[in-house]
Amino acid sequence: MADDFSFEITKSLGELSKSKGGWALELNMVSWGGRDAKYDLRSWAPDHQKMGKGVTLTKEELVSLKNLLNALNLAE
């Protein structure tokens, strides 16, 4: 069963880091399979044709993650 795998980065929101090989950990809005775009955090090759494993979040999930991160005490 081969599903049509398609994606479109509809908006680049920012880069968190870049590896020596040029791959970048990015937060983007990505439409997977023609569906509505969601927030997506993953590593991308420089040409954005290859990607690593990542996580896709709804707006509500991203807000929850933001609240969780804001509550962390990173000085520990």
N, C-alpha and C. Protein backbone atom coordinates (compact mmCIF):
# COMPACT_ATOMS: atom_id res chain seq x y z
N MET A 1 0.86 -1.17 0.00
CA MET A 1 0.00 0.00 0.00
C MET A 1 0.90 1.23 0.00
N ALA A 2 0.99 1.90 -1.11
CA ALA A 2 1.85 3.08 -1.24
C ALA A 2 1.00 4.34 -1.26
N ASP A 3 1.04 5.08 -0.17
CA ASP A 3 0.33 6.35 -0.11
C ASP A 3 1.15 7.42 -0.83
N ASP A 4 0.48 8.38 -1.41
CA ASP A 4 1.17 9.50 -2.05
C ASP A 4 1.76 10.37 -0.94
N PHE A 5 3.10 10.41 -0.88
CA PHE A 5 3.78 11.18 0.14
C PHE A 5 4.11 12.55 -0.44
N SER A 6 3.47 13.56 0.08
CA SER A 6 3.77 14.91 -0.37
C SER A 6 3.79 15.84 0.82
N PHE A 7 4.58 16.89 0.69
CA PHE A 7 4.64 17.89 1.75
C PHE A 7 4.96 19.23 1.11
N GLU A 8 4.58 20.29 1.82
CA GLU A 8 4.92 21.64 1.39
C GLU A 8 5.19 22.47 2.63
N ILE A 9 6.37 23.07 2.69
CA ILE A 9 6.68 24.02 3.76
C ILE A 9 5.99 25.32 3.37
N THR A 10 4.93 25.65 4.10
CA THR A 10 4.15 26.83 3.75
C THR A 10 4.70 28.11 4.40
N LYS A 11 5.44 27.93 5.51
CA LYS A 11 6.02 29.10 6.18
C LYS A 11 7.19 28.63 7.03
N SER A 12 8.34 29.29 6.89
CA SER A 12 9.50 29.02 7.73
C SER A 12 9.43 29.94 8.94
N LEU A 13 9.47 29.34 10.13
CA LEU A 13 9.33 30.14 11.36
C LEU A 13 10.66 30.38 12.06
N GLY A 14 11.65 29.51 11.81
CA GLY A 14 12.95 29.74 12.43
C GLY A 14 13.81 28.50 12.47
N GLU A 15 15.09 28.76 12.64
CA GLU A 15 16.10 27.71 12.72
C GLU A 15 16.65 27.66 14.14
N LEU A 16 16.68 26.46 14.74
CA LEU A 16 17.19 26.31 16.10
C LEU A 16 18.68 26.01 16.12
N SER A 17 19.14 25.21 15.17
CA SER A 17 20.56 24.86 15.11
C SER A 17 20.88 24.32 13.72
N LYS A 18 22.19 24.20 13.45
CA LYS A 18 22.63 23.66 12.17
C LYS A 18 23.81 22.73 12.44
N SER A 19 23.82 21.56 11.78
CA SER A 19 24.91 20.60 11.94
C SER A 19 26.05 20.94 11.00
N LYS A 20 27.20 20.31 11.22
CA LYS A 20 28.36 20.53 10.34
C LYS A 20 28.05 20.10 8.91
N GLY A 21 27.15 19.13 8.76
CA GLY A 21 26.77 18.65 7.43
C GLY A 21 25.77 19.55 6.72
N GLY A 22 25.33 20.63 7.38
CA GLY A 22 24.42 21.58 6.76
C GLY A 22 22.96 21.36 7.08
N TRP A 23 22.62 20.22 7.72
CA TRP A 23 21.22 19.98 8.10
C TRP A 23 20.84 20.95 9.21
N ALA A 24 19.61 21.45 9.15
CA ALA A 24 19.15 22.44 10.12
C ALA A 24 17.92 21.94 10.85
N LEU A 25 17.90 22.14 12.16
CA LEU A 25 16.71 21.87 12.96
C LEU A 25 15.84 23.11 12.86
N GLU A 26 14.64 22.94 12.27
CA GLU A 26 13.80 24.09 11.95
C GLU A 26 12.38 23.91 12.48
N LEU A 27 11.76 25.03 12.80
CA LEU A 27 10.34 25.08 13.10
C LEU A 27 9.67 25.71 11.88
N ASN A 28 8.76 24.97 11.25
CA ASN A 28 8.07 25.41 10.05
C ASN A 28 6.59 25.10 10.14
N MET A 29 5.83 25.71 9.27
CA MET A 29 4.45 25.30 9.02
C MET A 29 4.53 24.38 7.81
N VAL A 30 4.05 23.13 7.97
CA VAL A 30 4.15 22.16 6.89
C VAL A 30 2.78 21.54 6.63
N SER A 31 2.45 21.45 5.35
CA SER A 31 1.25 20.76 4.91
C SER A 31 1.68 19.37 4.45
N TRP A 32 1.15 18.35 5.09
CA TRP A 32 1.46 16.96 4.74
C TRP A 32 0.30 16.38 3.96
N GLY A 33 0.56 15.87 2.76
CA GLY A 33 -0.47 15.22 1.96
C GLY A 33 -1.62 16.13 1.59
N GLY A 34 -1.36 17.44 1.44
CA GLY A 34 -2.40 18.38 1.06
C GLY A 34 -3.31 18.81 2.19
N ARG A 35 -3.03 18.35 3.41
CA ARG A 35 -3.86 18.74 4.56
C ARG A 35 -3.47 20.14 5.03
N ASP A 36 -4.26 20.68 5.95
CA ASP A 36 -3.94 21.98 6.53
C ASP A 36 -2.56 21.93 7.16
N ALA A 37 -1.81 23.02 7.04
CA ALA A 37 -0.46 23.08 7.60
C ALA A 37 -0.52 23.06 9.13
N LYS A 38 0.49 22.40 9.71
CA LYS A 38 0.65 22.35 11.17
C LYS A 38 2.08 22.75 11.50
N TYR A 39 2.31 23.04 12.76
CA TYR A 39 3.66 23.36 13.23
C TYR A 39 4.49 22.08 13.20
N ASP A 40 5.71 22.19 12.70
CA ASP A 40 6.54 21.01 12.49
C ASP A 40 7.98 21.32 12.89
N LEU A 41 8.54 20.49 13.77
CA LEU A 41 9.90 20.65 14.24
C LEU A 41 10.69 19.42 13.83
N ARG A 42 11.69 19.59 12.96
CA ARG A 42 12.51 18.48 12.50
C ARG A 42 13.76 19.00 11.80
N SER A 43 14.69 18.09 11.54
CA SER A 43 15.91 18.42 10.79
C SER A 43 15.64 18.30 9.31
N TRP A 44 16.18 19.25 8.57
CA TRP A 44 16.02 19.29 7.11
C TRP A 44 17.38 19.39 6.44
N ALA A 45 17.52 18.71 5.30
CA ALA A 45 18.70 18.87 4.47
C ALA A 45 18.70 20.28 3.91
N PRO A 46 19.87 20.76 3.48
CA PRO A 46 19.94 22.14 2.96
C PRO A 46 18.95 22.44 1.82
N ASP A 47 18.64 21.45 0.99
CA ASP A 47 17.73 21.68 -0.13
C ASP A 47 16.26 21.39 0.22
N HIS A 48 16.00 21.01 1.46
CA HIS A 48 14.65 20.68 1.96
C HIS A 48 13.99 19.52 1.20
N GLN A 49 14.79 18.66 0.57
CA GLN A 49 14.23 17.50 -0.12
C GLN A 49 14.31 16.25 0.75
N LYS A 50 15.14 16.28 1.78
CA LYS A 50 15.25 15.17 2.74
C LYS A 50 15.03 15.73 4.13
N MET A 51 14.47 14.87 5.00
CA MET A 51 14.17 15.32 6.35
C MET A 51 14.46 14.21 7.34
N GLY A 52 14.69 14.59 8.58
CA GLY A 52 14.84 13.62 9.66
C GLY A 52 13.50 13.43 10.36
N LYS A 53 13.53 12.58 11.38
CA LYS A 53 12.32 12.39 12.18
C LYS A 53 12.02 13.68 12.93
N GLY A 54 10.75 13.90 13.15
CA GLY A 54 10.37 15.13 13.82
C GLY A 54 9.04 14.98 14.50
N VAL A 55 8.49 16.10 14.88
CA VAL A 55 7.19 16.13 15.55
C VAL A 55 6.34 17.22 14.91
N THR A 56 5.07 16.88 14.68
CA THR A 56 4.11 17.81 14.11
C THR A 56 3.07 18.13 15.17
N LEU A 57 2.79 19.41 15.37
CA LEU A 57 1.91 19.86 16.44
C LEU A 57 0.80 20.76 15.92
N THR A 58 -0.37 20.62 16.53
CA THR A 58 -1.44 21.57 16.27
C THR A 58 -1.12 22.87 17.01
N LYS A 59 -1.87 23.92 16.74
CA LYS A 59 -1.66 25.19 17.45
C LYS A 59 -1.86 24.99 18.95
N GLU A 60 -2.87 24.23 19.32
CA GLU A 60 -3.16 24.00 20.74
C GLU A 60 -2.01 23.23 21.42
N GLU A 61 -1.44 22.25 20.72
CA GLU A 61 -0.31 21.51 21.28
C GLU A 61 0.92 22.40 21.40
N LEU A 62 1.14 23.27 20.43
CA LEU A 62 2.28 24.18 20.49
C LEU A 62 2.12 25.16 21.66
N VAL A 63 0.92 25.65 21.88
CA VAL A 63 0.66 26.55 23.01
C VAL A 63 0.94 25.82 24.33
N SER A 64 0.50 24.58 24.43
CA SER A 64 0.76 23.79 25.64
C SER A 64 2.26 23.57 25.84
N LEU A 65 2.99 23.29 24.76
CA LEU A 65 4.44 23.12 24.86
C LEU A 65 5.10 24.42 25.28
N LYS A 66 4.66 25.54 24.72
CA LYS A 66 5.21 26.85 25.10
C LYS A 66 5.00 27.12 26.58
N ASN A 67 3.82 26.83 27.08
CA ASN A 67 3.53 27.04 28.51
C ASN A 67 4.41 26.13 29.37
N LEU A 68 4.58 24.90 28.94
CA LEU A 68 5.44 23.96 29.68
C LEU A 68 6.88 24.46 29.70
N LEU A 69 7.39 24.90 28.56
CA LEU A 69 8.77 25.41 28.49
C LEU A 69 8.94 26.68 29.32
N ASN A 70 7.95 27.56 29.29
CA ASN A 70 8.03 28.78 30.10
C ASN A 70 8.08 28.48 31.59
N ALA A 71 7.48 27.37 32.00
CA ALA A 71 7.44 27.02 33.42
C ALA A 71 8.71 26.31 33.89
N LEU A 72 9.55 25.88 32.96
CA LEU A 72 10.78 25.17 33.35
C LEU A 72 11.78 26.10 33.99
N ASN A 73 12.47 25.58 34.99
CA ASN A 73 13.58 26.31 35.59
C ASN A 73 14.86 25.75 34.98
N LEU A 74 15.39 26.42 33.98
CA LEU A 74 16.55 25.92 33.25
C LEU A 74 17.86 26.15 33.99
N ALA A 75 17.82 26.78 35.16
CA ALA A 75 19.01 27.01 35.95
C ALA A 75 19.39 25.77 36.77
N GLU A 76 18.53 24.78 36.77
CA GLU A 76 18.81 23.56 37.57
C GLU A 76 19.93 22.76 36.99
